[in-house]
Amino acid sequence: MTREERINLAHNLSTPPKTLAKLSKDEDWSVRIEVAINPSTPPEVLVKLSRDRESYVRWNVAHNLSTPPEVLLILVVDDDEDVRERAERALSKRVQNTHQSG
């Protein structure tokens, strides 16, 4: 499978969770980014991607609305400033939404 095909598969909302899990281990960080941002990615895969060596992948985990709050709490102390800021914004937005709906 070509890089473009793997990226498209990782981006597709209909891709099965098992396939997303496999793609999350892809050697190409561009593929892992697409898995990280895909709202269909299972939480346990997002947990693993939150420890990815590439900050772009971790940033996209923080940006994913499906990322569990406990993962965002880990990312707010990430080594990368952009990842920390993105995780803080995501947590803040969730708190605001909780207060507005409650």
PDB file of N, CA and C in Angstrom:
ATOM      1  N   MET A   1       0.851  -1.172   0.000  1.00  0.00           N
ATOM      2  CA  MET A   1       0.000   0.000   0.000  1.00  0.00           C
ATOM      3  C   MET A   1       0.900   1.239   0.000  1.00  0.00           C
ATOM      4  N   THR A   2       0.570   2.213  -0.823  1.00  0.00           N
ATOM      5  CA  THR A   2       1.386   3.423  -0.907  1.00  0.00           C
ATOM      6  C   THR A   2       1.153   4.322   0.301  1.00  0.00           C
ATOM      7  N   ARG A   3       2.044   5.280   0.476  1.00  0.00           N
ATOM      8  CA  ARG A   3       1.912   6.258   1.561  1.00  0.00           C
ATOM      9  C   ARG A   3       0.577   7.001   1.456  1.00  0.00           C
ATOM     10  N   GLU A   4       0.239   7.449   0.253  1.00  0.00           N
ATOM     11  CA  GLU A   4      -1.024   8.181   0.050  1.00  0.00           C
ATOM     12  C   GLU A   4      -2.236   7.322   0.395  1.00  0.00           C
ATOM     13  N   GLU A   5      -2.204   6.071   0.024  1.00  0.00           N
ATOM     14  CA  GLU A   5      -3.312   5.167   0.351  1.00  0.00           C
ATOM     15  C   GLU A   5      -3.434   4.982   1.863  1.00  0.00           C
ATOM     16  N   ARG A   6      -2.303   4.856   2.547  1.00  0.00           N
ATOM     17  CA  ARG A   6      -2.329   4.706   4.009  1.00  0.00           C
ATOM     18  C   ARG A   6      -2.845   5.973   4.671  1.00  0.00           C
ATOM     19  N   ILE A   7      -2.431   7.141   4.166  1.00  0.00           N
ATOM     20  CA  ILE A   7      -2.919   8.421   4.701  1.00  0.00           C
ATOM     21  C   ILE A   7      -4.428   8.525   4.504  1.00  0.00           C
ATOM     22  N   ASN A   8      -4.901   8.206   3.308  1.00  0.00           N
ATOM     23  CA  ASN A   8      -6.348   8.276   3.030  1.00  0.00           C
ATOM     24  C   ASN A   8      -7.138   7.311   3.898  1.00  0.00           C
ATOM     25  N   LEU A   9      -6.610   6.127   4.106  1.00  0.00           N
ATOM     26  CA  LEU A   9      -7.273   5.139   4.951  1.00  0.00           C
ATOM     27  C   LEU A   9      -7.318   5.624   6.407  1.00  0.00           C
ATOM     28  N   ALA A  10      -6.214   6.193   6.872  1.00  0.00           N
ATOM     29  CA  ALA A  10      -6.157   6.702   8.242  1.00  0.00           C
ATOM     30  C   ALA A  10      -7.100   7.886   8.447  1.00  0.00           C
ATOM     31  N   HIS A  11      -7.335   8.642   7.399  1.00  0.00           N
ATOM     32  CA  HIS A  11      -8.200   9.826   7.463  1.00  0.00           C
ATOM     33  C   HIS A  11      -9.694   9.478   7.390  1.00  0.00           C
ATOM     34  N   ASN A  12     -10.005   8.342   6.795  1.00  0.00           N
ATOM     35  CA  ASN A  12     -11.390   7.950   6.536  1.00  0.00           C
ATOM     36  C   ASN A  12     -12.126   7.604   7.832  1.00  0.00           C
ATOM     37  N   LEU A  13     -13.265   8.243   8.053  1.00  0.00           N
ATOM     38  CA  LEU A  13     -14.062   8.022   9.263  1.00  0.00           C
ATOM     39  C   LEU A  13     -14.644   6.613   9.340  1.00  0.00           C
ATOM     40  N   SER A  14     -14.712   5.935   8.206  1.00  0.00           N
ATOM     41  CA  SER A  14     -15.279   4.586   8.167  1.00  0.00           C
ATOM     42  C   SER A  14     -14.236   3.482   8.337  1.00  0.00           C
ATOM     43  N   THR A  15     -12.989   3.858   8.479  1.00  0.00           N
ATOM     44  CA  THR A  15     -11.943   2.850   8.640  1.00  0.00           C
ATOM     45  C   THR A  15     -12.158   2.116   9.962  1.00  0.00           C
ATOM     46  N   PRO A  16     -12.137   0.784   9.943  1.00  0.00           N
ATOM     47  CA  PRO A  16     -12.363   0.015  11.176  1.00  0.00           C
ATOM     48  C   PRO A  16     -11.306   0.310  12.254  1.00  0.00           C
ATOM     49  N   PRO A  17     -11.699   0.258  13.517  1.00  0.00           N
ATOM     50  CA  PRO A  17     -10.768   0.528  14.620  1.00  0.00           C
ATOM     51  C   PRO A  17      -9.495  -0.315  14.577  1.00  0.00           C
ATOM     52  N   LYS A  18      -9.613  -1.597  14.192  1.00  0.00           N
ATOM     53  CA  LYS A  18      -8.423  -2.456  14.120  1.00  0.00           C
ATOM     54  C   LYS A  18      -7.423  -1.934  13.090  1.00  0.00           C
ATOM     55  N   THR A  19      -7.946  -1.445  11.989  1.00  0.00           N
ATOM     56  CA  THR A  19      -7.081  -0.901  10.945  1.00  0.00           C
ATOM     57  C   THR A  19      -6.427   0.393  11.420  1.00  0.00           C
ATOM     58  N   LEU A  20      -7.187   1.242  12.105  1.00  0.00           N
ATOM     59  CA  LEU A  20      -6.617   2.477  12.656  1.00  0.00           C
ATOM     60  C   LEU A  20      -5.522   2.156  13.665  1.00  0.00           C
ATOM     61  N   ALA A  21      -5.740   1.127  14.466  1.00  0.00           N
ATOM     62  CA  ALA A  21      -4.725   0.714  15.439  1.00  0.00           C
ATOM     63  C   ALA A  21      -3.444   0.295  14.732  1.00  0.00           C
ATOM     64  N   LYS A  22      -3.596  -0.448  13.643  1.00  0.00           N
ATOM     65  CA  LYS A  22      -2.416  -0.872  12.879  1.00  0.00           C
ATOM     66  C   LYS A  22      -1.724   0.336  12.250  1.00  0.00           C
ATOM     67  N   LEU A  23      -2.500   1.237  11.672  1.00  0.00           N
ATOM     68  CA  LEU A  23      -1.931   2.425  11.038  1.00  0.00           C
ATOM     69  C   LEU A  23      -1.259   3.358  12.054  1.00  0.00           C
ATOM     70  N   SER A  24      -1.680   3.292  13.307  1.00  0.00           N
ATOM     71  CA  SER A  24      -1.080   4.145  14.337  1.00  0.00           C
ATOM     72  C   SER A  24       0.380   3.788  14.591  1.00  0.00           C
ATOM     73  N   LYS A  25       0.801   2.618  14.092  1.00  0.00           N
ATOM     74  CA  LYS A  25       2.190   2.165  14.252  1.00  0.00           C
ATOM     75  C   LYS A  25       3.002   2.379  12.976  1.00  0.00           C
ATOM     76  N   ASP A  26       2.407   3.051  11.998  1.00  0.00           N
ATOM     77  CA  ASP A  26       3.078   3.264  10.722  1.00  0.00           C
ATOM     78  C   ASP A  26       4.378   4.038  10.922  1.00  0.00           C
ATOM     79  N   GLU A  27       5.390   3.719  10.120  1.00  0.00           N
ATOM     80  CA  GLU A  27       6.682   4.394  10.226  1.00  0.00           C
ATOM     81  C   GLU A  27       6.593   5.861   9.791  1.00  0.00           C
ATOM     82  N   ASP A  28       5.616   6.187   8.950  1.00  0.00           N
ATOM     83  CA  ASP A  28       5.463   7.548   8.428  1.00  0.00           C
ATOM     84  C   ASP A  28       4.594   8.373   9.388  1.00  0.00           C
ATOM     85  N   TRP A  29       5.169   9.439   9.912  1.00  0.00           N
ATOM     86  CA  TRP A  29       4.423  10.244  10.890  1.00  0.00           C
ATOM     87  C   TRP A  29       3.199  10.906  10.271  1.00  0.00           C
ATOM     88  N   SER A  30       3.184  11.109   8.957  1.00  0.00           N
ATOM     89  CA  SER A  30       2.012  11.692   8.298  1.00  0.00           C
ATOM     90  C   SER A  30       0.803  10.770   8.421  1.00  0.00           C
ATOM     91  N   VAL A  31       1.037   9.490   8.366  1.00  0.00           N
ATOM     92  CA  VAL A  31      -0.039   8.506   8.539  1.00  0.00           C
ATOM     93  C   VAL A  31      -0.515   8.543   9.991  1.00  0.00           C
ATOM     94  N   ARG A  32       0.429   8.577  10.924  1.00  0.00           N
ATOM     95  CA  ARG A  32       0.059   8.605  12.353  1.00  0.00           C
ATOM     96  C   ARG A  32      -0.706   9.876  12.702  1.00  0.00           C
ATOM     97  N   ILE A  33      -0.382  10.992  12.046  1.00  0.00           N
ATOM     98  CA  ILE A  33      -1.131  12.235  12.266  1.00  0.00           C
ATOM     99  C   ILE A  33      -2.594  12.042  11.887  1.00  0.00           C
ATOM    100  N   GLU A  34      -2.842  11.421  10.760  1.00  0.00           N
ATOM    101  CA  GLU A  34      -4.222  11.203  10.315  1.00  0.00           C
ATOM    102  C   GLU A  34      -4.984  10.286  11.274  1.00  0.00           C
ATOM    103  N   VAL A  35      -4.304   9.302  11.810  1.00  0.00           N
ATOM    104  CA  VAL A  35      -4.933   8.439  12.816  1.00  0.00           C
ATOM    105  C   VAL A  35      -5.227   9.264  14.067  1.00  0.00           C
ATOM    106  N   ALA A  36      -4.283  10.116  14.456  1.00  0.00           N
ATOM    107  CA  ALA A  36      -4.434  10.916  15.676  1.00  0.00           C
ATOM    108  C   ALA A  36      -5.613  11.875  15.603  1.00  0.00           C
ATOM    109  N   ILE A  37      -5.912  12.400  14.443  1.00  0.00           N
ATOM    110  CA  ILE A  37      -6.990  13.386  14.308  1.00  0.00           C
ATOM    111  C   ILE A  37      -8.342  12.740  13.975  1.00  0.00           C
ATOM    112  N   ASN A  38      -8.329  11.485  13.570  1.00  0.00           N
ATOM    113  CA  ASN A  38      -9.561  10.808  13.171  1.00  0.00           C
ATOM    114  C   ASN A  38     -10.452  10.574  14.406  1.00  0.00           C
ATOM    115  N   PRO A  39     -11.673  11.141  14.412  1.00  0.00           N
ATOM    116  CA  PRO A  39     -12.557  10.968  15.568  1.00  0.00           C
ATOM    117  C   PRO A  39     -13.007   9.522  15.786  1.00  0.00           C
ATOM    118  N   SER A  40     -12.796   8.662  14.800  1.00  0.00           N
ATOM    119  CA  SER A  40     -13.150   7.247  14.944  1.00  0.00           C
ATOM    120  C   SER A  40     -12.047   6.419  15.595  1.00  0.00           C
ATOM    121  N   THR A  41     -10.896   7.037  15.843  1.00  0.00           N
ATOM    122  CA  THR A  41      -9.792   6.307  16.453  1.00  0.00           C
ATOM    123  C   THR A  41     -10.149   5.928  17.882  1.00  0.00           C
ATOM    124  N   PRO A  42      -9.979   4.659  18.242  1.00  0.00           N
ATOM    125  CA  PRO A  42     -10.316   4.212  19.594  1.00  0.00           C
ATOM    126  C   PRO A  42      -9.465   4.933  20.659  1.00  0.00           C
ATOM    127  N   PRO A  43     -10.047   5.176  21.826  1.00  0.00           N
ATOM    128  CA  PRO A  43      -9.325   5.870  22.898  1.00  0.00           C
ATOM    129  C   PRO A  43      -7.987   5.235  23.259  1.00  0.00           C
ATOM    130  N   GLU A  44      -7.926   3.897  23.262  1.00  0.00           N
ATOM    131  CA  GLU A  44      -6.666   3.247  23.649  1.00  0.00           C
ATOM    132  C   GLU A  44      -5.556   3.516  22.629  1.00  0.00           C
ATOM    133  N   VAL A  45      -5.938   3.745  21.375  1.00  0.00           N
ATOM    134  CA  VAL A  45      -4.943   4.096  20.346  1.00  0.00           C
ATOM    135  C   VAL A  45      -4.496   5.541  20.552  1.00  0.00           C
ATOM    136  N   LEU A  46      -5.435   6.411  20.901  1.00  0.00           N
ATOM    137  CA  LEU A  46      -5.078   7.805  21.180  1.00  0.00           C
ATOM    138  C   LEU A  46      -4.132   7.907  22.377  1.00  0.00           C
ATOM    139  N   VAL A  47      -4.332   7.045  23.359  1.00  0.00           N
ATOM    140  CA  VAL A  47      -3.423   7.014  24.516  1.00  0.00           C
ATOM    141  C   VAL A  47      -2.007   6.701  24.043  1.00  0.00           C
ATOM    142  N   LYS A  48      -1.870   5.704  23.194  1.00  0.00           N
ATOM    143  CA  LYS A  48      -0.540   5.338  22.689  1.00  0.00           C
ATOM    144  C   LYS A  48       0.057   6.459  21.847  1.00  0.00           C
ATOM    145  N   LEU A  49      -0.767   7.075  20.997  1.00  0.00           N
ATOM    146  CA  LEU A  49      -0.268   8.152  20.149  1.00  0.00           C
ATOM    147  C   LEU A  49       0.101   9.397  20.955  1.00  0.00           C
ATOM    148  N   SER A  50      -0.454   9.545  22.137  1.00  0.00           N
ATOM    149  CA  SER A  50      -0.106  10.705  22.978  1.00  0.00           C
ATOM    150  C   SER A  50       1.345  10.634  23.444  1.00  0.00           C
ATOM    151  N   ARG A  51       1.974   9.469  23.256  1.00  0.00           N
ATOM    152  CA  ARG A  51       3.385   9.291  23.614  1.00  0.00           C
ATOM    153  C   ARG A  51       4.280   9.178  22.372  1.00  0.00           C
ATOM    154  N   ASP A  52       3.715   9.520  21.213  1.00  0.00           N
ATOM    155  CA  ASP A  52       4.472   9.423  19.960  1.00  0.00           C
ATOM    156  C   ASP A  52       5.697  10.331  20.009  1.00  0.00           C
ATOM    157  N   ARG A  53       6.763   9.926  19.336  1.00  0.00           N
ATOM    158  CA  ARG A  53       8.001  10.714  19.330  1.00  0.00           C
ATOM    159  C   ARG A  53       7.848  12.027  18.567  1.00  0.00           C
ATOM    160  N   GLU A  54       6.894  12.094  17.642  1.00  0.00           N
ATOM    161  CA  GLU A  54       6.673  13.298  16.840  1.00  0.00           C
ATOM    162  C   GLU A  54       5.650  14.217  17.520  1.00  0.00           C
ATOM    163  N   SER A  55       6.042  15.448  17.754  1.00  0.00           N
ATOM    164  CA  SER A  55       5.144  16.396  18.417  1.00  0.00           C
ATOM    165  C   SER A  55       3.906  16.688  17.573  1.00  0.00           C
ATOM    166  N   TYR A  56       4.022  16.630  16.244  1.00  0.00           N
ATOM    167  CA  TYR A  56       2.857  16.860  15.380  1.00  0.00           C
ATOM    168  C   TYR A  56       1.768  15.821  15.636  1.00  0.00           C
ATOM    169  N   VAL A  57       2.168  14.621  15.892  1.00  0.00           N
ATOM    170  CA  VAL A  57       1.210  13.554  16.195  1.00  0.00           C
ATOM    171  C   VAL A  57       0.541  13.853  17.533  1.00  0.00           C
ATOM    172  N   ARG A  58       1.329  14.182  18.548  1.00  0.00           N
ATOM    173  CA  ARG A  58       0.764  14.479  19.874  1.00  0.00           C
ATOM    174  C   ARG A  58      -0.159  15.690  19.823  1.00  0.00           C
ATOM    175  N   TRP A  59       0.212  16.712  19.033  1.00  0.00           N
ATOM    176  CA  TRP A  59      -0.617  17.908  18.887  1.00  0.00           C
ATOM    177  C   TRP A  59      -1.983  17.520  18.330  1.00  0.00           C
ATOM    178  N   ASN A  60      -1.998  16.631  17.341  1.00  0.00           N
ATOM    179  CA  ASN A  60      -3.264  16.199  16.749  1.00  0.00           C
ATOM    180  C   ASN A  60      -4.079  15.329  17.688  1.00  0.00           C
ATOM    181  N   VAL A  61      -3.426  14.579  18.560  1.00  0.00           N
ATOM    182  CA  VAL A  61      -4.149  13.843  19.604  1.00  0.00           C
ATOM    183  C   VAL A  61      -4.875  14.853  20.500  1.00  0.00           C
ATOM    184  N   ALA A  62      -4.171  15.924  20.870  1.00  0.00           N
ATOM    185  CA  ALA A  62      -4.784  16.957  21.717  1.00  0.00           C
ATOM    186  C   ALA A  62      -5.939  17.652  21.001  1.00  0.00           C
ATOM    187  N   HIS A  63      -5.865  17.729  19.699  1.00  0.00           N
ATOM    188  CA  HIS A  63      -6.901  18.401  18.901  1.00  0.00           C
ATOM    189  C   HIS A  63      -8.128  17.520  18.670  1.00  0.00           C
ATOM    190  N   ASN A  64      -7.983  16.224  18.813  1.00  0.00           N
ATOM    191  CA  ASN A  64      -9.067  15.281  18.535  1.00  0.00           C
ATOM    192  C   ASN A  64     -10.133  15.363  19.628  1.00  0.00           C
ATOM    193  N   LEU A  65     -11.360  15.617  19.232  1.00  0.00           N
ATOM    194  CA  LEU A  65     -12.464  15.739  20.198  1.00  0.00           C
ATOM    195  C   LEU A  65     -12.773  14.434  20.914  1.00  0.00           C
ATOM    196  N   SER A  66     -12.293  13.316  20.374  1.00  0.00           N
ATOM    197  CA  SER A  66     -12.520  12.011  20.994  1.00  0.00           C
ATOM    198  C   SER A  66     -11.450  11.634  22.015  1.00  0.00           C
ATOM    199  N   THR A  67     -10.424  12.458  22.139  1.00  0.00           N
ATOM    200  CA  THR A  67      -9.356  12.147  23.084  1.00  0.00           C
ATOM    201  C   THR A  67      -9.888  12.231  24.508  1.00  0.00           C
ATOM    202  N   PRO A  68      -9.683  11.181  25.292  1.00  0.00           N
ATOM    203  CA  PRO A  68     -10.159  11.193  26.685  1.00  0.00           C
ATOM    204  C   PRO A  68      -9.504  12.325  27.489  1.00  0.00           C
ATOM    205  N   PRO A  69     -10.266  12.930  28.408  1.00  0.00           N
ATOM    206  CA  PRO A  69      -9.724  14.026  29.218  1.00  0.00           C
ATOM    207  C   PRO A  69      -8.443  13.653  29.961  1.00  0.00           C
ATOM    208  N   GLU A  70      -8.337  12.405  30.414  1.00  0.00           N
ATOM    209  CA  GLU A  70      -7.134  12.005  31.147  1.00  0.00           C
ATOM    210  C   GLU A  70      -5.887  12.047  30.260  1.00  0.00           C
ATOM    211  N   VAL A  71      -6.076  11.852  28.958  1.00  0.00           N
ATOM    212  CA  VAL A  71      -4.948  11.963  28.021  1.00  0.00           C
ATOM    213  C   VAL A  71      -4.574  13.432  27.844  1.00  0.00           C
ATOM    214  N   LEU A  72      -5.573  14.288  27.779  1.00  0.00           N
ATOM    215  CA  LEU A  72      -5.296  15.724  27.677  1.00  0.00           C
ATOM    216  C   LEU A  72      -4.531  16.214  28.904  1.00  0.00           C
ATOM    217  N   LEU A  73      -4.857  15.666  30.065  1.00  0.00           N
ATOM    218  CA  LEU A  73      -4.135  16.041  31.284  1.00  0.00           C
ATOM    219  C   LEU A  73      -2.662  15.646  31.215  1.00  0.00           C
ATOM    220  N   ILE A  74      -2.373  14.564  30.532  1.00  0.00           N
ATOM    221  CA  ILE A  74      -0.978  14.166  30.322  1.00  0.00           C
ATOM    222  C   ILE A  74      -0.303  15.126  29.342  1.00  0.00           C
ATOM    223  N   LEU A  75      -1.035  15.495  28.289  1.00  0.00           N
ATOM    224  CA  LEU A  75      -0.455  16.344  27.253  1.00  0.00           C
ATOM    225  C   LEU A  75      -0.232  17.786  27.707  1.00  0.00           C
ATOM    226  N   VAL A  76      -0.907  18.233  28.747  1.00  0.00           N
ATOM    227  CA  VAL A  76      -0.679  19.607  29.224  1.00  0.00           C
ATOM    228  C   VAL A  76       0.691  19.769  29.876  1.00  0.00           C
ATOM    229  N   VAL A  77       1.386  18.669  30.112  1.00  0.00           N
ATOM    230  CA  VAL A  77       2.757  18.736  30.642  1.00  0.00           C
ATOM    231  C   VAL A  77       3.759  18.168  29.625  1.00  0.00           C
ATOM    232  N   ASP A  78       3.368  18.143  28.356  1.00  0.00           N
ATOM    233  CA  ASP A  78       4.230  17.648  27.282  1.00  0.00           C
ATOM    234  C   ASP A  78       5.482  18.522  27.177  1.00  0.00           C
ATOM    235  N   ASP A  79       6.544  17.954  26.644  1.00  0.00           N
ATOM    236  CA  ASP A  79       7.788  18.701  26.440  1.00  0.00           C
ATOM    237  C   ASP A  79       7.640  19.810  25.400  1.00  0.00           C
ATOM    238  N   ASP A  80       6.734  19.635  24.471  1.00  0.00           N
ATOM    239  CA  ASP A  80       6.550  20.600  23.384  1.00  0.00           C
ATOM    240  C   ASP A  80       5.515  21.659  23.780  1.00  0.00           C
ATOM    241  N   GLU A  81       5.883  22.912  23.660  1.00  0.00           N
ATOM    242  CA  GLU A  81       4.997  24.015  24.065  1.00  0.00           C
ATOM    243  C   GLU A  81       3.701  24.043  23.266  1.00  0.00           C
ATOM    244  N   ASP A  82       3.774  23.799  21.958  1.00  0.00           N
ATOM    245  CA  ASP A  82       2.563  23.810  21.134  1.00  0.00           C
ATOM    246  C   ASP A  82       1.585  22.706  21.542  1.00  0.00           C
ATOM    247  N   VAL A  83       2.116  21.547  21.875  1.00  0.00           N
ATOM    248  CA  VAL A  83       1.273  20.438  22.339  1.00  0.00           C
ATOM    249  C   VAL A  83       0.604  20.817  23.655  1.00  0.00           C
ATOM    250  N   ARG A  84       1.386  21.372  24.573  1.00  0.00           N
ATOM    251  CA  ARG A  84       0.829  21.794  25.868  1.00  0.00           C
ATOM    252  C   ARG A  84      -0.298  22.803  25.677  1.00  0.00           C
ATOM    253  N   GLU A  85      -0.057  23.813  24.823  1.00  0.00           N
ATOM    254  CA  GLU A  85      -1.072  24.854  24.591  1.00  0.00           C
ATOM    255  C   GLU A  85      -2.334  24.271  23.965  1.00  0.00           C
ATOM    256  N   ARG A  86      -2.168  23.363  23.007  1.00  0.00           N
ATOM    257  CA  ARG A  86      -3.329  22.749  22.354  1.00  0.00           C
ATOM    258  C   ARG A  86      -4.128  21.916  23.357  1.00  0.00           C
ATOM    259  N   ALA A  87      -3.442  21.178  24.206  1.00  0.00           N
ATOM    260  CA  ALA A  87      -4.123  20.366  25.217  1.00  0.00           C
ATOM    261  C   ALA A  87      -4.843  21.259  26.226  1.00  0.00           C
ATOM    262  N   GLU A  88      -4.217  22.355  26.623  1.00  0.00           N
ATOM    263  CA  GLU A  88      -4.859  23.291  27.553  1.00  0.00           C
ATOM    264  C   GLU A  88      -6.126  23.883  26.953  1.00  0.00           C
ATOM    265  N   ARG A  89      -6.058  24.276  25.682  1.00  0.00           N
ATOM    266  CA  ARG A  89      -7.250  24.828  25.007  1.00  0.00           C
ATOM    267  C   ARG A  89      -8.361  23.784  24.925  1.00  0.00           C
ATOM    268  N   ALA A  90      -7.988  22.551  24.610  1.00  0.00           N
ATOM    269  CA  ALA A  90      -8.987  21.486  24.502  1.00  0.00           C
ATOM    270  C   ALA A  90      -9.665  21.227  25.847  1.00  0.00           C
ATOM    271  N   LEU A  91      -8.868  21.186  26.907  1.00  0.00           N
ATOM    272  CA  LEU A  91      -9.439  20.980  28.247  1.00  0.00           C
ATOM    273  C   LEU A  91     -10.335  22.148  28.644  1.00  0.00           C
ATOM    274  N   SER A  92      -9.877  23.343  28.386  1.00  0.00           N
ATOM    275  CA  SER A  92     -10.645  24.535  28.721  1.00  0.00           C
ATOM    276  C   SER A  92     -11.989  24.544  27.997  1.00  0.00           C
ATOM    277  N   LYS A  93     -11.968  24.195  26.727  1.00  0.00           N
ATOM    278  CA  LYS A  93     -13.201  24.150  25.935  1.00  0.00           C
ATOM    279  C   LYS A  93     -14.178  23.112  26.484  1.00  0.00           C
ATOM    280  N   ARG A  94     -13.640  21.970  26.892  1.00  0.00           N
ATOM    281  CA  ARG A  94     -14.514  20.928  27.462  1.00  0.00           C
ATOM    282  C   ARG A  94     -15.131  21.374  28.777  1.00  0.00           C
ATOM    283  N   VAL A  95     -14.362  22.065  29.590  1.00  0.00           N
ATOM    284  CA  VAL A  95     -14.891  22.575  30.860  1.00  0.00           C
ATOM    285  C   VAL A  95     -15.997  23.589  30.578  1.00  0.00           C
ATOM    286  N   GLN A  96     -15.767  24.491  29.611  1.00  0.00           N
ATOM    287  CA  GLN A  96     -16.786  25.469  29.245  1.00  0.00           C
ATOM    288  C   GLN A  96     -18.061  24.776  28.757  1.00  0.00           C
ATOM    289  N   ASN A  97     -17.891  23.781  27.911  1.00  0.00           N
ATOM    290  CA  ASN A  97     -19.059  23.060  27.383  1.00  0.00           C
ATOM    291  C   ASN A  97     -19.816  22.331  28.490  1.00  0.00           C
ATOM    292  N   THR A  98     -19.092  21.815  29.473  1.00  0.00           N
ATOM    293  CA  THR A  98     -19.726  21.131  30.600  1.00  0.00           C
ATOM    294  C   THR A  98     -20.561  22.122  31.414  1.00  0.00           C
ATOM    295  N   HIS A  99     -20.004  23.301  31.632  1.00  0.00           N
ATOM    296  CA  HIS A  99     -20.728  24.307  32.413  1.00  0.00           C
ATOM    297  C   HIS A  99     -21.939  24.843  31.658  1.00  0.00           C
ATOM    298  N   GLN A 100     -21.823  24.964  30.344  1.00  0.00           N
ATOM    299  CA  GLN A 100     -22.935  25.471  29.547  1.00  0.00           C
ATOM    300  C   GLN A 100     -24.067  24.471  29.447  1.00  0.00           C
ATOM    301  N   SER A 101     -23.732  23.186  29.401  1.00  0.00           N
ATOM    302  CA  SER A 101     -24.782  22.166  29.262  1.00  0.00           C
ATOM    303  C   SER A 101     -25.336  21.722  30.599  1.00  0.00           C
ATOM    304  N   GLY A 102     -24.652  22.075  31.674  1.00  0.00           N
ATOM    305  CA  GLY A 102     -25.077  21.610  32.996  1.00  0.00           C
ATOM    306  C   GLY A 102     -25.824  22.587  33.748  1.00  0.00           C
TER     307      GLY A 102
END
